[in-house]
């Protein structure tokens, strides 16, 4: 009887181990990309000459051809789709100020303090 009990216990343990081994998550797949949040991320101007990065309330703009920093500063979301940007043009050493409206998750329509309009497009 003792041998039968040991075999039965060993068989039950083996069954549990086999069942545990079968509970896998399947093939590894990359997690889905999160949807962009507000203006966070990289944006390029219509001419493709400047790449602006918005992160954590700060922004920087660099020249796409040389990587030279053109401007830097801060931004504030003033509404669900509107953003106020203030900073310094490092080339001219002058203040810059813009108001932008996020018309889609991939387009910002902006107006400078002097009234010039421009569009930024989200870069993946």
PDB file of N, CA and C in Angstrom:
ATOM      1  N   UNK A   1       0.814  -1.184   0.000  1.00  0.00           N
ATOM      2  CA  UNK A   1       0.000   0.000   0.000  1.00  0.00           C
ATOM      3  C   UNK A   1       0.866   1.259   0.000  1.00  0.00           C
ATOM      4  N   UNK A   2       1.951   1.281   0.675  1.00  0.00           N
ATOM      5  CA  UNK A   2       2.834   2.423   0.773  1.00  0.00           C
ATOM      6  C   UNK A   2       3.418   2.770  -0.590  1.00  0.00           C
ATOM      7  N   UNK A   3       3.810   1.750  -1.348  1.00  0.00           N
ATOM      8  CA  UNK A   3       4.366   1.997  -2.680  1.00  0.00           C
ATOM      9  C   UNK A   3       3.289   2.591  -3.585  1.00  0.00           C
ATOM     10  N   UNK A   4       2.080   2.114  -3.518  1.00  0.00           N
ATOM     11  CA  UNK A   4       0.980   2.632  -4.336  1.00  0.00           C
ATOM     12  C   UNK A   4       0.708   4.097  -3.990  1.00  0.00           C
ATOM     13  N   UNK A   5       0.759   4.405  -2.684  1.00  0.00           N
ATOM     14  CA  UNK A   5       0.507   5.781  -2.248  1.00  0.00           C
ATOM     15  C   UNK A   5       1.604   6.717  -2.769  1.00  0.00           C
ATOM     16  N   UNK A   6       2.863   6.271  -2.736  1.00  0.00           N
ATOM     17  CA  UNK A   6       3.975   7.072  -3.218  1.00  0.00           C
ATOM     18  C   UNK A   6       3.844   7.302  -4.722  1.00  0.00           C
ATOM     19  N   UNK A   7       3.471   6.268  -5.466  1.00  0.00           N
ATOM     20  CA  UNK A   7       3.293   6.416  -6.906  1.00  0.00           C
ATOM     21  C   UNK A   7       2.151   7.377  -7.223  1.00  0.00           C
ATOM     22  N   UNK A   8       1.077   7.274  -6.448  1.00  0.00           N
ATOM     23  CA  UNK A   8      -0.062   8.162  -6.651  1.00  0.00           C
ATOM     24  C   UNK A   8       0.327   9.609  -6.366  1.00  0.00           C
ATOM     25  N   UNK A   9       1.062   9.853  -5.285  1.00  0.00           N
ATOM     26  CA  UNK A   9       1.517  11.206  -4.935  1.00  0.00           C
ATOM     27  C   UNK A   9       2.470  11.746  -5.992  1.00  0.00           C
ATOM     28  N   UNK A  10       3.390  10.914  -6.466  1.00  0.00           N
ATOM     29  CA  UNK A  10       4.331  11.341  -7.498  1.00  0.00           C
ATOM     30  C   UNK A  10       3.592  11.670  -8.786  1.00  0.00           C
ATOM     31  N   UNK A  11       2.586  10.860  -9.124  1.00  0.00           N
ATOM     32  CA  UNK A  11       1.794  11.107 -10.329  1.00  0.00           C
ATOM     33  C   UNK A  11       1.019  12.414 -10.213  1.00  0.00           C
ATOM     34  N   UNK A  12       0.456  12.696  -9.054  1.00  0.00           N
ATOM     35  CA  UNK A  12      -0.293  13.941  -8.847  1.00  0.00           C
ATOM     36  C   UNK A  12       0.644  15.140  -8.948  1.00  0.00           C
ATOM     37  N   UNK A  13       1.830  15.042  -8.363  1.00  0.00           N
ATOM     38  CA  UNK A  13       2.804  16.134  -8.422  1.00  0.00           C
ATOM     39  C   UNK A  13       3.241  16.372  -9.864  1.00  0.00           C
ATOM     40  N   UNK A  14       3.475  15.297 -10.611  1.00  0.00           N
ATOM     41  CA  UNK A  14       3.883  15.429 -12.006  1.00  0.00           C
ATOM     42  C   UNK A  14       2.773  16.095 -12.823  1.00  0.00           C
ATOM     43  N   UNK A  15       1.518  15.756 -12.532  1.00  0.00           N
ATOM     44  CA  UNK A  15       0.397  16.358 -13.244  1.00  0.00           C
ATOM     45  C   UNK A  15       0.316  17.865 -12.979  1.00  0.00           C
ATOM     46  N   UNK A  16       0.545  18.266 -11.723  1.00  0.00           N
ATOM     47  CA  UNK A  16       0.514  19.686 -11.376  1.00  0.00           C
ATOM     48  C   UNK A  16       1.641  20.444 -12.070  1.00  0.00           C
ATOM     49  N   UNK A  17       2.839  19.843 -12.112  1.00  0.00           N
ATOM     50  CA  UNK A  17       3.957  20.485 -12.786  1.00  0.00           C
ATOM     51  C   UNK A  17       3.686  20.619 -14.281  1.00  0.00           C
ATOM     52  N   UNK A  18       3.120  19.602 -14.863  1.00  0.00           N
ATOM     53  CA  UNK A  18       2.810  19.644 -16.288  1.00  0.00           C
ATOM     54  C   UNK A  18       1.765  20.715 -16.576  1.00  0.00           C
ATOM     55  N   UNK A  19       0.769  20.812 -15.721  1.00  0.00           N
ATOM     56  CA  UNK A  19      -0.280  21.821 -15.906  1.00  0.00           C
ATOM     57  C   UNK A  19       0.311  23.220 -15.747  1.00  0.00           C
ATOM     58  N   UNK A  20       1.200  23.403 -14.792  1.00  0.00           N
ATOM     59  CA  UNK A  20       1.825  24.710 -14.582  1.00  0.00           C
ATOM     60  C   UNK A  20       2.683  25.091 -15.785  1.00  0.00           C
ATOM     61  N   UNK A  21       3.345  24.132 -16.375  1.00  0.00           N
ATOM     62  CA  UNK A  21       4.196  24.406 -17.536  1.00  0.00           C
ATOM     63  C   UNK A  21       3.373  24.809 -18.750  1.00  0.00           C
ATOM     64  N   UNK A  22       2.126  24.420 -18.806  1.00  0.00           N
ATOM     65  CA  UNK A  22       1.284  24.725 -19.952  1.00  0.00           C
ATOM     66  C   UNK A  22       0.693  26.125 -19.891  1.00  0.00           C
ATOM     67  N   UNK A  23       0.747  26.781 -18.751  1.00  0.00           N
ATOM     68  CA  UNK A  23       0.152  28.109 -18.634  1.00  0.00           C
ATOM     69  C   UNK A  23       1.187  29.167 -18.996  1.00  0.00           C
ATOM     70  N   UNK A  24       1.422  29.336 -20.285  1.00  0.00           N
ATOM     71  CA  UNK A  24       2.359  30.347 -20.768  1.00  0.00           C
ATOM     72  C   UNK A  24       1.573  31.480 -21.390  1.00  0.00           C
ATOM     73  N   UNK A  25       2.249  32.562 -21.666  1.00  0.00           N
ATOM     74  CA  UNK A  25       1.578  33.720 -22.235  1.00  0.00           C
ATOM     75  C   UNK A  25       1.585  33.700 -23.752  1.00  0.00           C
ATOM     76  N   UNK A  26       2.134  32.697 -24.340  1.00  0.00           N
ATOM     77  CA  UNK A  26       2.158  32.618 -25.794  1.00  0.00           C
ATOM     78  C   UNK A  26       3.379  33.322 -26.337  1.00  0.00           C
ATOM     79  N   UNK A  27       3.431  33.489 -27.655  1.00  0.00           N
ATOM     80  CA  UNK A  27       4.600  34.125 -28.258  1.00  0.00           C
ATOM     81  C   UNK A  27       4.731  35.569 -27.781  1.00  0.00           C
ATOM     82  N   UNK A  28       5.954  35.993 -27.638  1.00  0.00           N
ATOM     83  CA  UNK A  28       6.228  37.350 -27.170  1.00  0.00           C
ATOM     84  C   UNK A  28       5.911  38.345 -28.269  1.00  0.00           C
ATOM     85  N   UNK A  29       5.041  39.310 -27.961  1.00  0.00           N
ATOM     86  CA  UNK A  29       4.679  40.347 -28.916  1.00  0.00           C
ATOM     87  C   UNK A  29       5.035  41.695 -28.293  1.00  0.00           C
ATOM     88  N   UNK A  30       5.473  42.638 -29.106  1.00  0.00           N
ATOM     89  CA  UNK A  30       5.769  43.948 -28.553  1.00  0.00           C
ATOM     90  C   UNK A  30       4.493  44.603 -28.042  1.00  0.00           C
ATOM     91  N   UNK A  31       4.585  45.381 -26.970  1.00  0.00           N
ATOM     92  CA  UNK A  31       3.378  46.040 -26.468  1.00  0.00           C
ATOM     93  C   UNK A  31       2.888  47.075 -27.470  1.00  0.00           C
ATOM     94  N   UNK A  32       1.585  47.304 -27.509  1.00  0.00           N
ATOM     95  CA  UNK A  32       1.071  48.292 -28.456  1.00  0.00           C
ATOM     96  C   UNK A  32       1.610  49.677 -28.096  1.00  0.00           C
ATOM     97  N   UNK A  33       1.822  50.511 -29.111  1.00  0.00           N
ATOM     98  CA  UNK A  33       2.331  51.854 -28.858  1.00  0.00           C
ATOM     99  C   UNK A  33       1.250  52.687 -28.187  1.00  0.00           C
ATOM    100  N   UNK A  34       1.660  53.428 -27.180  1.00  0.00           N
ATOM    101  CA  UNK A  34       0.722  54.299 -26.487  1.00  0.00           C
ATOM    102  C   UNK A  34       0.381  55.480 -27.377  1.00  0.00           C
ATOM    103  N   UNK A  35      -0.845  55.921 -27.266  1.00  0.00           N
ATOM    104  CA  UNK A  35      -1.259  57.096 -28.031  1.00  0.00           C
ATOM    105  C   UNK A  35      -0.518  58.314 -27.495  1.00  0.00           C
ATOM    106  N   UNK A  36      -0.136  59.229 -28.371  1.00  0.00           N
ATOM    107  CA  UNK A  36       0.563  60.425 -27.911  1.00  0.00           C
ATOM    108  C   UNK A  36      -0.285  61.197 -26.911  1.00  0.00           C
ATOM    109  N   UNK A  37       0.388  61.777 -25.913  1.00  0.00           N
ATOM    110  CA  UNK A  37      -0.313  62.542 -24.886  1.00  0.00           C
ATOM    111  C   UNK A  37      -0.033  64.026 -25.102  1.00  0.00           C
ATOM    112  N   UNK A  38      -1.052  64.770 -25.450  1.00  0.00           N
ATOM    113  CA  UNK A  38      -0.884  66.200 -25.664  1.00  0.00           C
ATOM    114  C   UNK A  38       0.164  66.489 -26.716  1.00  0.00           C
ATOM    115  N   UNK A  39       1.036  67.454 -26.421  1.00  0.00           N
ATOM    116  CA  UNK A  39       2.075  67.839 -27.374  1.00  0.00           C
ATOM    117  C   UNK A  39       3.390  67.115 -27.123  1.00  0.00           C
ATOM    118  N   UNK A  40       3.440  66.258 -26.120  1.00  0.00           N
ATOM    119  CA  UNK A  40       4.667  65.527 -25.817  1.00  0.00           C
ATOM    120  C   UNK A  40       5.161  64.802 -27.061  1.00  0.00           C
ATOM    121  N   UNK A  41       6.435  64.940 -27.371  1.00  0.00           N
ATOM    122  CA  UNK A  41       7.014  64.243 -28.514  1.00  0.00           C
ATOM    123  C   UNK A  41       7.769  65.167 -29.439  1.00  0.00           C
ATOM    124  N   UNK A  42       8.006  64.692 -30.643  1.00  0.00           N
ATOM    125  CA  UNK A  42       8.793  65.418 -31.653  1.00  0.00           C
ATOM    126  C   UNK A  42       7.893  65.967 -32.739  1.00  0.00           C
ATOM    127  N   UNK A  43       8.154  67.219 -33.135  1.00  0.00           N
ATOM    128  CA  UNK A  43       7.365  67.916 -34.146  1.00  0.00           C
ATOM    129  C   UNK A  43       8.311  68.576 -35.137  1.00  0.00           C
ATOM    130  N   UNK A  44       7.970  68.526 -36.406  1.00  0.00           N
ATOM    131  CA  UNK A  44       8.825  69.112 -37.448  1.00  0.00           C
ATOM    132  C   UNK A  44       8.040  70.203 -38.170  1.00  0.00           C
ATOM    133  N   UNK A  45       8.763  71.243 -38.571  1.00  0.00           N
ATOM    134  CA  UNK A  45       8.101  72.341 -39.290  1.00  0.00           C
ATOM    135  C   UNK A  45       7.815  71.929 -40.732  1.00  0.00           C
ATOM    136  N   UNK A  46       7.009  72.744 -41.428  1.00  0.00           N
ATOM    137  CA  UNK A  46       6.553  72.412 -42.785  1.00  0.00           C
ATOM    138  C   UNK A  46       7.699  72.306 -43.788  1.00  0.00           C
ATOM    139  N   UNK A  47       8.770  73.069 -43.576  1.00  0.00           N
ATOM    140  CA  UNK A  47       9.909  73.023 -44.493  1.00  0.00           C
ATOM    141  C   UNK A  47      10.876  71.898 -44.149  1.00  0.00           C
ATOM    142  N   UNK A  48      10.685  71.261 -43.007  1.00  0.00           N
ATOM    143  CA  UNK A  48      11.569  70.173 -42.595  1.00  0.00           C
ATOM    144  C   UNK A  48      12.918  70.641 -42.080  1.00  0.00           C
ATOM    145  N   UNK A  49      13.008  71.902 -41.694  1.00  0.00           N
ATOM    146  CA  UNK A  49      14.301  72.449 -41.259  1.00  0.00           C
ATOM    147  C   UNK A  49      14.512  72.431 -39.753  1.00  0.00           C
ATOM    148  N   UNK A  50      13.431  72.410 -38.983  1.00  0.00           N
ATOM    149  CA  UNK A  50      13.549  72.436 -37.527  1.00  0.00           C
ATOM    150  C   UNK A  50      12.744  71.326 -36.878  1.00  0.00           C
ATOM    151  N   UNK A  51      13.361  70.644 -35.926  1.00  0.00           N
ATOM    152  CA  UNK A  51      12.697  69.575 -35.176  1.00  0.00           C
ATOM    153  C   UNK A  51      12.552  70.023 -33.734  1.00  0.00           C
ATOM    154  N   UNK A  52      11.318  70.157 -33.271  1.00  0.00           N
ATOM    155  CA  UNK A  52      11.038  70.582 -31.903  1.00  0.00           C
ATOM    156  C   UNK A  52      10.644  69.377 -31.062  1.00  0.00           C
ATOM    157  N   UNK A  53      11.211  69.310 -29.868  1.00  0.00           N
ATOM    158  CA  UNK A  53      10.892  68.238 -28.934  1.00  0.00           C
ATOM    159  C   UNK A  53      10.228  68.845 -27.707  1.00  0.00           C
ATOM    160  N   UNK A  54       9.046  68.340 -27.362  1.00  0.00           N
ATOM    161  CA  UNK A  54       8.303  68.781 -26.197  1.00  0.00           C
ATOM    162  C   UNK A  54       8.284  67.644 -25.176  1.00  0.00           C
ATOM    163  N   UNK A  55       8.754  67.925 -23.977  1.00  0.00           N
ATOM    164  CA  UNK A  55       8.764  66.895 -22.928  1.00  0.00           C
ATOM    165  C   UNK A  55       8.801  67.558 -21.556  1.00  0.00           C
ATOM    166  N   UNK A  56       7.856  67.175 -20.706  1.00  0.00           N
ATOM    167  CA  UNK A  56       7.855  67.622 -19.326  1.00  0.00           C
ATOM    168  C   UNK A  56       7.816  69.130 -19.136  1.00  0.00           C
ATOM    169  N   UNK A  57       7.116  69.846 -20.007  1.00  0.00           N
ATOM    170  CA  UNK A  57       6.996  71.286 -19.874  1.00  0.00           C
ATOM    171  C   UNK A  57       8.138  72.072 -20.504  1.00  0.00           C
ATOM    172  N   UNK A  58       9.112  71.393 -21.094  1.00  0.00           N
ATOM    173  CA  UNK A  58      10.254  72.048 -21.742  1.00  0.00           C
ATOM    174  C   UNK A  58      10.244  71.724 -23.230  1.00  0.00           C
ATOM    175  N   UNK A  59      10.794  72.642 -24.032  1.00  0.00           N
ATOM    176  CA  UNK A  59      10.946  72.358 -25.453  1.00  0.00           C
ATOM    177  C   UNK A  59      12.325  72.791 -25.924  1.00  0.00           C
ATOM    178  N   UNK A  60      12.804  72.114 -26.951  1.00  0.00           N
ATOM    179  CA  UNK A  60      14.015  72.517 -27.661  1.00  0.00           C
ATOM    180  C   UNK A  60      13.745  72.328 -29.147  1.00  0.00           C
ATOM    181  N   UNK A  61      14.350  73.173 -29.944  1.00  0.00           N
ATOM    182  CA  UNK A  61      14.261  73.045 -31.392  1.00  0.00           C
ATOM    183  C   UNK A  61      15.676  72.981 -31.938  1.00  0.00           C
ATOM    184  N   UNK A  62      15.930  71.989 -32.793  1.00  0.00           N
ATOM    185  CA  UNK A  62      17.247  71.829 -33.401  1.00  0.00           C
ATOM    186  C   UNK A  62      17.105  71.837 -34.916  1.00  0.00           C
ATOM    187  N   UNK A  63      18.179  72.262 -35.589  1.00  0.00           N
ATOM    188  CA  UNK A  63      18.209  72.229 -37.053  1.00  0.00           C
ATOM    189  C   UNK A  63      18.317  70.774 -37.492  1.00  0.00           C
ATOM    190  N   UNK A  64      17.493  70.370 -38.455  1.00  0.00           N
ATOM    191  CA  UNK A  64      17.501  68.971 -38.889  1.00  0.00           C
ATOM    192  C   UNK A  64      18.767  68.613 -39.655  1.00  0.00           C
ATOM    193  N   UNK A  65      19.420  69.586 -40.279  1.00  0.00           N
ATOM    194  CA  UNK A  65      20.619  69.273 -41.065  1.00  0.00           C
ATOM    195  C   UNK A  65      21.894  69.230 -40.229  1.00  0.00           C
ATOM    196  N   UNK A  66      22.003  70.099 -39.216  1.00  0.00           N
ATOM    197  CA  UNK A  66      23.242  70.165 -38.434  1.00  0.00           C
ATOM    198  C   UNK A  66      23.094  69.682 -36.999  1.00  0.00           C
ATOM    199  N   UNK A  67      21.840  69.639 -36.506  1.00  0.00           N
ATOM    200  CA  UNK A  67      21.619  69.276 -35.107  1.00  0.00           C
ATOM    201  C   UNK A  67      21.849  70.439 -34.156  1.00  0.00           C
ATOM    202  N   UNK A  68      22.169  71.633 -34.691  1.00  0.00           N
ATOM    203  CA  UNK A  68      22.418  72.815 -33.866  1.00  0.00           C
ATOM    204  C   UNK A  68      21.130  73.224 -33.159  1.00  0.00           C
ATOM    205  N   UNK A  69      21.236  73.509 -31.868  1.00  0.00           N
ATOM    206  CA  UNK A  69      20.077  73.957 -31.100  1.00  0.00           C
ATOM    207  C   UNK A  69      19.715  75.370 -31.529  1.00  0.00           C
ATOM    208  N   UNK A  70      18.458  75.560 -31.941  1.00  0.00           N
ATOM    209  CA  UNK A  70      17.984  76.842 -32.438  1.00  0.00           C
ATOM    210  C   UNK A  70      17.229  77.636 -31.381  1.00  0.00           C
ATOM    211  N   UNK A  71      16.445  76.940 -30.573  1.00  0.00           N
ATOM    212  CA  UNK A  71      15.674  77.615 -29.536  1.00  0.00           C
ATOM    213  C   UNK A  71      15.371  76.638 -28.408  1.00  0.00           C
ATOM    214  N   UNK A  72      15.018  77.214 -27.257  1.00  0.00           N
ATOM    215  CA  UNK A  72      14.645  76.402 -26.108  1.00  0.00           C
ATOM    216  C   UNK A  72      13.744  77.223 -25.209  1.00  0.00           C
ATOM    217  N   UNK A  73      12.990  76.542 -24.383  1.00  0.00           N
ATOM    218  CA  UNK A  73      12.091  77.247 -23.484  1.00  0.00           C
ATOM    219  C   UNK A  73      11.125  76.303 -22.815  1.00  0.00           C
ATOM    220  N   UNK A  74       9.934  76.806 -22.536  1.00  0.00           N
ATOM    221  CA  UNK A  74       8.926  76.012 -21.831  1.00  0.00           C
ATOM    222  C   UNK A  74       7.580  76.131 -22.541  1.00  0.00           C
ATOM    223  N   UNK A  75       6.692  75.218 -22.190  1.00  0.00           N
ATOM    224  CA  UNK A  75       5.344  75.263 -22.748  1.00  0.00           C
ATOM    225  C   UNK A  75       4.352  74.902 -21.671  1.00  0.00           C
ATOM    226  N   UNK A  76       3.141  75.396 -21.839  1.00  0.00           N
ATOM    227  CA  UNK A  76       2.056  75.129 -20.900  1.00  0.00           C
ATOM    228  C   UNK A  76       0.800  74.821 -21.681  1.00  0.00           C
ATOM    229  N   UNK A  77       0.155  73.728 -21.337  1.00  0.00           N
ATOM    230  CA  UNK A  77      -1.148  73.436 -21.932  1.00  0.00           C
ATOM    231  C   UNK A  77      -2.148  74.382 -21.278  1.00  0.00           C
ATOM    232  N   UNK A  78      -2.823  75.217 -22.077  1.00  0.00           N
ATOM    233  CA  UNK A  78      -3.789  76.169 -21.545  1.00  0.00           C
ATOM    234  C   UNK A  78      -5.221  75.681 -21.729  1.00  0.00           C
ATOM    235  N   UNK A  79      -5.365  74.541 -22.339  1.00  0.00           N
ATOM    236  CA  UNK A  79      -6.656  73.900 -22.558  1.00  0.00           C
ATOM    237  C   UNK A  79      -6.392  72.500 -23.071  1.00  0.00           C
ATOM    238  N   UNK A  80      -7.430  71.782 -23.389  1.00  0.00           N
ATOM    239  CA  UNK A  80      -7.273  70.406 -23.867  1.00  0.00           C
ATOM    240  C   UNK A  80      -6.493  70.337 -25.176  1.00  0.00           C
ATOM    241  N   UNK A  81      -6.619  71.374 -26.004  1.00  0.00           N
ATOM    242  CA  UNK A  81      -5.953  71.355 -27.313  1.00  0.00           C
ATOM    243  C   UNK A  81      -5.121  72.606 -27.584  1.00  0.00           C
ATOM    244  N   UNK A  82      -4.933  73.449 -26.590  1.00  0.00           N
ATOM    245  CA  UNK A  82      -4.166  74.675 -26.814  1.00  0.00           C
ATOM    246  C   UNK A  82      -2.926  74.700 -25.927  1.00  0.00           C
ATOM    247  N   UNK A  83      -1.853  75.260 -26.500  1.00  0.00           N
ATOM    248  CA  UNK A  83      -0.571  75.296 -25.792  1.00  0.00           C
ATOM    249  C   UNK A  83       0.072  76.666 -25.996  1.00  0.00           C
ATOM    250  N   UNK A  84       0.676  77.155 -24.926  1.00  0.00           N
ATOM    251  CA  UNK A  84       1.404  78.418 -24.941  1.00  0.00           C
ATOM    252  C   UNK A  84       2.887  78.077 -24.840  1.00  0.00           C
ATOM    253  N   UNK A  85       3.695  78.647 -25.721  1.00  0.00           N
ATOM    254  CA  UNK A  85       5.126  78.338 -25.782  1.00  0.00           C
ATOM    255  C   UNK A  85       5.909  79.641 -25.607  1.00  0.00           C
ATOM    256  N   UNK A  86       6.881  79.621 -24.687  1.00  0.00           N
ATOM    257  CA  UNK A  86       7.748  80.778 -24.448  1.00  0.00           C
ATOM    258  C   UNK A  86       9.177  80.288 -24.375  1.00  0.00           C
ATOM    259  N   UNK A  87      10.085  81.050 -24.978  1.00  0.00           N
ATOM    260  CA  UNK A  87      11.478  80.646 -24.932  1.00  0.00           C
ATOM    261  C   UNK A  87      12.395  81.696 -25.508  1.00  0.00           C
ATOM    262  N   UNK A  88      13.559  81.216 -25.955  1.00  0.00           N
ATOM    263  CA  UNK A  88      14.590  82.094 -26.493  1.00  0.00           C
ATOM    264  C   UNK A  88      15.105  81.532 -27.807  1.00  0.00           C
ATOM    265  N   UNK A  89      15.215  82.391 -28.804  1.00  0.00           N
ATOM    266  CA  UNK A  89      15.885  82.028 -30.044  1.00  0.00           C
ATOM    267  C   UNK A  89      17.373  82.132 -29.760  1.00  0.00           C
ATOM    268  N   UNK A  90      18.073  81.022 -29.842  1.00  0.00           N
ATOM    269  CA  UNK A  90      19.498  81.014 -29.532  1.00  0.00           C
ATOM    270  C   UNK A  90      20.324  81.643 -30.655  1.00  0.00           C
ATOM    271  N   UNK A  91      19.780  81.674 -31.855  1.00  0.00           N
ATOM    272  CA  UNK A  91      20.467  82.291 -32.987  1.00  0.00           C
ATOM    273  C   UNK A  91      20.428  83.819 -32.855  1.00  0.00           C
ATOM    274  N   UNK A  92      19.228  84.342 -32.584  1.00  0.00           N
ATOM    275  CA  UNK A  92      19.050  85.803 -32.502  1.00  0.00           C
ATOM    276  C   UNK A  92      19.208  86.349 -31.083  1.00  0.00           C
ATOM    277  N   UNK A  93      19.219  85.457 -30.091  1.00  0.00           N
ATOM    278  CA  UNK A  93      19.264  85.860 -28.681  1.00  0.00           C
ATOM    279  C   UNK A  93      18.097  86.793 -28.344  1.00  0.00           C
ATOM    280  N   UNK A  94      16.901  86.390 -28.826  1.00  0.00           N
ATOM    281  CA  UNK A  94      15.686  87.161 -28.566  1.00  0.00           C
ATOM    282  C   UNK A  94      14.611  86.237 -28.026  1.00  0.00           C
ATOM    283  N   UNK A  95      13.649  86.793 -27.284  1.00  0.00           N
ATOM    284  CA  UNK A  95      12.544  85.963 -26.789  1.00  0.00           C
ATOM    285  C   UNK A  95      11.633  85.525 -27.931  1.00  0.00           C
ATOM    286  N   UNK A  96      11.059  84.345 -27.783  1.00  0.00           N
ATOM    287  CA  UNK A  96      10.058  83.849 -28.730  1.00  0.00           C
ATOM    288  C   UNK A  96       8.813  83.473 -27.943  1.00  0.00           C
ATOM    289  N   UNK A  97       7.671  83.636 -28.582  1.00  0.00           N
ATOM    290  CA  UNK A  97       6.399  83.321 -27.940  1.00  0.00           C
ATOM    291  C   UNK A  97       5.412  82.877 -29.010  1.00  0.00           C
ATOM    292  N   UNK A  98       4.737  81.765 -28.744  1.00  0.00           N
ATOM    293  CA  UNK A  98       3.793  81.200 -29.703  1.00  0.00           C
ATOM    294  C   UNK A  98       2.563  80.696 -28.973  1.00  0.00           C
ATOM    295  N   UNK A  99       1.452  80.721 -29.660  1.00  0.00           N
ATOM    296  CA  UNK A  99       0.238  80.045 -29.220  1.00  0.00           C
ATOM    297  C   UNK A  99      -0.089  79.027 -30.292  1.00  0.00           C
ATOM    298  N   UNK A 100      -0.355  77.794 -29.866  1.00  0.00           N
ATOM    299  CA  UNK A 100      -0.645  76.730 -30.821  1.00  0.00           C
ATOM    300  C   UNK A 100      -1.949  76.041 -30.479  1.00  0.00           C
ATOM    301  N   UNK A 101      -2.606  75.558 -31.494  1.00  0.00           N
ATOM    302  CA  UNK A 101      -3.834  74.792 -31.364  1.00  0.00           C
ATOM    303  C   UNK A 101      -3.588  73.416 -31.968  1.00  0.00           C
ATOM    304  N   UNK A 102      -3.821  72.385 -31.184  1.00  0.00           N
ATOM    305  CA  UNK A 102      -3.653  71.012 -31.663  1.00  0.00           C
ATOM    306  C   UNK A 102      -4.927  70.626 -32.395  1.00  0.00           C
ATOM    307  N   UNK A 103      -4.874  70.655 -33.735  1.00  0.00           N
ATOM    308  CA  UNK A 103      -6.062  70.363 -34.535  1.00  0.00           C
ATOM    309  C   UNK A 103      -6.253  68.865 -34.739  1.00  0.00           C
ATOM    310  N   UNK A 104      -5.206  68.092 -34.508  1.00  0.00           N
ATOM    311  CA  UNK A 104      -5.282  66.631 -34.524  1.00  0.00           C
ATOM    312  C   UNK A 104      -4.097  66.126 -33.699  1.00  0.00           C
ATOM    313  N   UNK A 105      -4.017  64.819 -33.491  1.00  0.00           N
ATOM    314  CA  UNK A 105      -2.897  64.280 -32.716  1.00  0.00           C
ATOM    315  C   UNK A 105      -1.575  64.432 -33.451  1.00  0.00           C
ATOM    316  N   UNK A 106      -1.634  64.816 -34.738  1.00  0.00           N
ATOM    317  CA  UNK A 106      -0.402  64.942 -35.510  1.00  0.00           C
ATOM    318  C   UNK A 106      -0.185  66.333 -36.108  1.00  0.00           C
ATOM    319  N   UNK A 107      -1.016  67.323 -35.742  1.00  0.00           N
ATOM    320  CA  UNK A 107      -0.818  68.658 -36.312  1.00  0.00           C
ATOM    321  C   UNK A 107      -1.059  69.751 -35.281  1.00  0.00           C
ATOM    322  N   UNK A 108      -0.076  70.667 -35.203  1.00  0.00           N
ATOM    323  CA  UNK A 108      -0.186  71.872 -34.381  1.00  0.00           C
ATOM    324  C   UNK A 108      -0.211  73.078 -35.306  1.00  0.00           C
ATOM    325  N   UNK A 109      -1.237  73.912 -35.210  1.00  0.00           N
ATOM    326  CA  UNK A 109      -1.299  75.167 -35.941  1.00  0.00           C
ATOM    327  C   UNK A 109      -0.872  76.258 -34.967  1.00  0.00           C
ATOM    328  N   UNK A 110       0.200  76.969 -35.297  1.00  0.00           N
ATOM    329  CA  UNK A 110       0.784  77.931 -34.371  1.00  0.00           C
ATOM    330  C   UNK A 110       0.792  79.336 -34.951  1.00  0.00           C
ATOM    331  N   UNK A 111       0.764  80.307 -34.039  1.00  0.00           N
ATOM    332  CA  UNK A 111       0.878  81.717 -34.385  1.00  0.00           C
ATOM    333  C   UNK A 111       1.890  82.337 -33.441  1.00  0.00           C
ATOM    334  N   UNK A 112       2.860  83.053 -34.031  1.00  0.00           N
ATOM    335  CA  UNK A 112       3.874  83.720 -33.209  1.00  0.00           C
ATOM    336  C   UNK A 112       3.303  85.009 -32.640  1.00  0.00           C
ATOM    337  N   UNK A 113       4.001  85.584 -31.669  1.00  0.00           N
ATOM    338  CA  UNK A 113       3.559  86.841 -31.068  1.00  0.00           C
ATOM    339  C   UNK A 113       3.484  87.954 -32.114  1.00  0.00           C
ATOM    340  N   UNK A 114       4.290  87.852 -33.182  1.00  0.00           N
ATOM    341  CA  UNK A 114       4.271  88.864 -34.239  1.00  0.00           C
ATOM    342  C   UNK A 114       3.203  88.579 -35.301  1.00  0.00           C
ATOM    343  N   UNK A 115       2.439  87.492 -35.138  1.00  0.00           N
ATOM    344  CA  UNK A 115       1.345  87.196 -36.048  1.00  0.00           C
ATOM    345  C   UNK A 115       1.661  86.225 -37.172  1.00  0.00           C
ATOM    346  N   UNK A 116       2.879  85.680 -37.210  1.00  0.00           N
ATOM    347  CA  UNK A 116       3.227  84.708 -38.256  1.00  0.00           C
ATOM    348  C   UNK A 116       2.621  83.350 -37.925  1.00  0.00           C
ATOM    349  N   UNK A 117       2.025  82.710 -38.949  1.00  0.00           N
ATOM    350  CA  UNK A 117       1.431  81.392 -38.782  1.00  0.00           C
ATOM    351  C   UNK A 117       2.360  80.323 -39.322  1.00  0.00           C
ATOM    352  N   UNK A 118       2.388  79.179 -38.642  1.00  0.00           N
ATOM    353  CA  UNK A 118       3.154  78.034 -39.132  1.00  0.00           C
ATOM    354  C   UNK A 118       2.537  76.763 -38.591  1.00  0.00           C
ATOM    355  N   UNK A 119       2.874  75.648 -39.212  1.00  0.00           N
ATOM    356  CA  UNK A 119       2.317  74.345 -38.842  1.00  0.00           C
ATOM    357  C   UNK A 119       3.454  73.420 -38.437  1.00  0.00           C
ATOM    358  N   UNK A 120       3.246  72.687 -37.350  1.00  0.00           N
ATOM    359  CA  UNK A 120       4.158  71.640 -36.922  1.00  0.00           C
ATOM    360  C   UNK A 120       3.448  70.299 -37.082  1.00  0.00           C
ATOM    361  N   UNK A 121       4.163  69.310 -37.570  1.00  0.00           N
ATOM    362  CA  UNK A 121       3.605  67.965 -37.766  1.00  0.00           C
ATOM    363  C   UNK A 121       4.353  66.992 -36.873  1.00  0.00           C
ATOM    364  N   UNK A 122       3.587  66.146 -36.178  1.00  0.00           N
ATOM    365  CA  UNK A 122       4.202  65.166 -35.273  1.00  0.00           C
ATOM    366  C   UNK A 122       5.065  64.212 -36.066  1.00  0.00           C
ATOM    367  N   UNK A 123       6.230  63.950 -35.551  1.00  0.00           N
ATOM    368  CA  UNK A 123       7.165  63.013 -36.192  1.00  0.00           C
ATOM    369  C   UNK A 123       7.200  61.736 -35.369  1.00  0.00           C
ATOM    370  N   UNK A 124       7.011  60.607 -36.047  1.00  0.00           N
ATOM    371  CA  UNK A 124       6.977  59.323 -35.340  1.00  0.00           C
ATOM    372  C   UNK A 124       8.343  58.923 -34.841  1.00  0.00           C
TER     373      UNK A 124
END
